[in-house]
Protein backbone atom coordinates (compact mmCIF):
# COMPACT_ATOMS: atom_id res chain seq x y z
CA UNK A 1 120.17 33.34 -183.10
CA UNK A 2 119.18 29.68 -183.04
CA UNK A 3 122.17 28.79 -185.21
CA UNK A 4 124.56 30.64 -182.86
CA UNK A 5 123.15 28.87 -179.89
CA UNK A 6 123.52 25.45 -181.56
CA UNK A 7 127.10 26.37 -182.47
CA UNK A 8 127.85 27.42 -178.87
CA UNK A 9 126.29 24.19 -177.46
CA UNK A 10 128.31 22.10 -179.92
CA UNK A 11 131.55 23.81 -178.95
CA UNK A 12 130.90 23.45 -175.29
CA UNK A 13 130.07 19.76 -175.72
CA UNK A 14 133.32 19.14 -177.66
CA UNK A 15 135.40 20.97 -175.13
CA UNK A 16 133.95 18.77 -172.31
CA UNK A 17 134.49 15.65 -174.40
CA UNK A 18 138.07 16.59 -175.09
CA UNK A 19 138.78 17.32 -171.40
CA UNK A 20 137.23 14.00 -170.42
CA UNK A 21 139.45 12.08 -172.82
CA UNK A 22 142.60 13.20 -170.98
CA UNK A 23 141.35 12.09 -167.55
CA UNK A 24 143.66 9.58 -165.94
CA UNK A 25 143.01 7.08 -163.24
CA UNK A 26 144.67 3.97 -161.72
CA UNK A 27 143.50 1.92 -164.75
CA UNK A 28 146.08 3.95 -166.83
CA UNK A 29 148.98 2.72 -164.67
CA UNK A 30 150.17 -0.60 -166.06
CA UNK A 31 152.62 -2.76 -164.28
CA UNK A 32 154.39 -5.61 -166.02
CA UNK A 33 156.63 -8.11 -164.26
CA UNK A 34 158.90 -10.47 -166.17
CA UNK A 35 161.58 -12.85 -165.13
CA UNK A 36 165.08 -11.73 -166.15
CA UNK A 37 166.68 -15.18 -166.13
CA UNK A 38 169.23 -14.16 -163.50
CA UNK A 39 169.48 -15.37 -159.89
CA UNK A 40 170.44 -12.94 -157.11
CA UNK A 41 171.11 -14.32 -153.61
CA UNK A 42 169.52 -17.62 -154.57
CA UNK A 43 166.24 -16.03 -155.71
CA UNK A 44 165.02 -15.38 -159.29
CA UNK A 45 165.27 -11.81 -160.49
CA UNK A 46 162.16 -9.99 -161.74
CA UNK A 47 162.09 -6.90 -163.94
CA UNK A 48 159.22 -4.51 -163.31
CA UNK A 49 158.04 -1.79 -165.70
CA UNK A 50 155.48 0.72 -164.50
CA UNK A 51 153.92 2.79 -167.38
CA UNK A 52 151.53 5.73 -167.30
CA UNK A 53 149.26 5.00 -170.28
CA UNK A 54 147.68 8.49 -170.19
CA UNK A 55 148.68 11.84 -171.59
CA UNK A 56 148.44 13.43 -168.12
CA UNK A 57 151.10 13.19 -165.40
CA UNK A 58 150.49 11.05 -162.35
CA UNK A 59 152.38 11.67 -159.15
CA UNK A 60 152.37 10.25 -155.58
CA UNK A 61 151.93 6.82 -157.13
CA UNK A 62 151.50 4.19 -154.40
CA UNK A 63 151.64 0.50 -155.10
CA UNK A 64 150.45 -2.35 -152.93
CA UNK A 65 153.52 -4.24 -151.72
CA UNK A 66 152.53 -5.92 -148.50
CA UNK A 67 155.30 -8.26 -147.37
CA UNK A 68 157.64 -7.08 -150.18
CA UNK A 69 161.06 -8.57 -149.83
CA UNK A 70 164.09 -8.76 -152.08
CA UNK A 71 167.66 -10.15 -151.98
CA UNK A 72 168.61 -7.42 -154.51
CA UNK A 73 168.58 -3.79 -153.37
CA UNK A 74 166.11 -1.49 -155.02
CA UNK A 75 166.98 2.18 -154.95
CA UNK A 76 164.60 4.07 -152.61
CA UNK A 77 164.45 6.80 -155.24
CA UNK A 78 162.59 4.24 -157.45
CA UNK A 79 160.62 2.30 -154.91
CA UNK A 80 160.33 3.31 -151.24
CA UNK A 81 158.60 0.80 -148.91
CA UNK A 82 156.29 2.54 -146.42
CA UNK A 83 154.31 0.01 -144.40
CA UNK A 84 152.09 -2.07 -146.69
CA UNK A 85 152.49 0.27 -149.62
CA UNK A 86 155.35 1.53 -151.75
CA UNK A 87 155.91 5.04 -153.08
CA UNK A 88 157.07 5.08 -156.70
CA UNK A 89 159.89 7.47 -157.76
CA UNK A 90 159.83 9.38 -154.47
CA UNK A 91 156.31 10.73 -155.29
CA UNK A 92 157.59 12.60 -158.39
CA UNK A 93 155.43 12.75 -161.56
CA UNK A 94 155.41 9.93 -164.05
CA UNK A 95 154.77 11.91 -167.16
CA UNK A 96 152.19 10.87 -169.78
CA UNK A 97 153.18 7.65 -171.67
CA UNK A 98 156.47 7.51 -169.59
CA UNK A 99 157.64 4.39 -167.85
CA UNK A 100 160.14 3.51 -165.10
CA UNK A 101 161.70 0.21 -164.37
CA UNK A 102 163.43 -1.56 -161.51
CA UNK A 103 164.42 -5.12 -160.63
CA UNK A 104 164.14 -7.19 -157.50
CA UNK A 105 164.92 -10.78 -156.56
CA UNK A 106 162.42 -13.00 -154.62
CA UNK A 107 160.40 -16.16 -154.99
CA UNK A 108 157.48 -16.12 -155.65
CA UNK A 109 157.09 -12.71 -157.43
CA UNK A 110 155.01 -10.05 -155.75
CA UNK A 111 151.74 -8.79 -157.23
CA UNK A 112 152.30 -5.04 -157.36
CA UNK A 113 149.10 -3.08 -157.97
CA UNK A 114 148.47 0.68 -158.11
CA UNK A 115 146.68 1.93 -155.03
CA UNK A 116 146.57 5.77 -155.35
CA UNK A 117 147.90 8.57 -157.52
CA UNK A 118 147.41 12.31 -158.19
CA UNK A 119 146.66 13.32 -161.67
CA UNK A 120 147.76 16.60 -163.28
CA UNK A 121 146.76 17.63 -166.80
CA UNK A 122 147.95 20.82 -168.44
CA UNK A 123 145.17 22.57 -170.34
């Protein structure tokens, strides 16, 4: 009986540990900005890559983008400005380890940081 109980406790512990390892948060959303070398409308162009570094999907990703301006149009399906935040990919899910990219032109570059997201993990 004691061996069975130890086995059950071990299995429960491992299942919680495995579930915890797939938990995503804003720290799993990485944003990289690099200069493309091009100039658009007299402003340097910046390439932005947003990557979800977790195996779970994250949707409704909002970035800080207070005062965001660009001389190069960015498709609203990629980045939609809504007040002081921007909605990424129309709120659709950014799957685990997937990335999206867009470009904008302004000087100086904007510091885009993740503000919120909803996480969804399939069991």
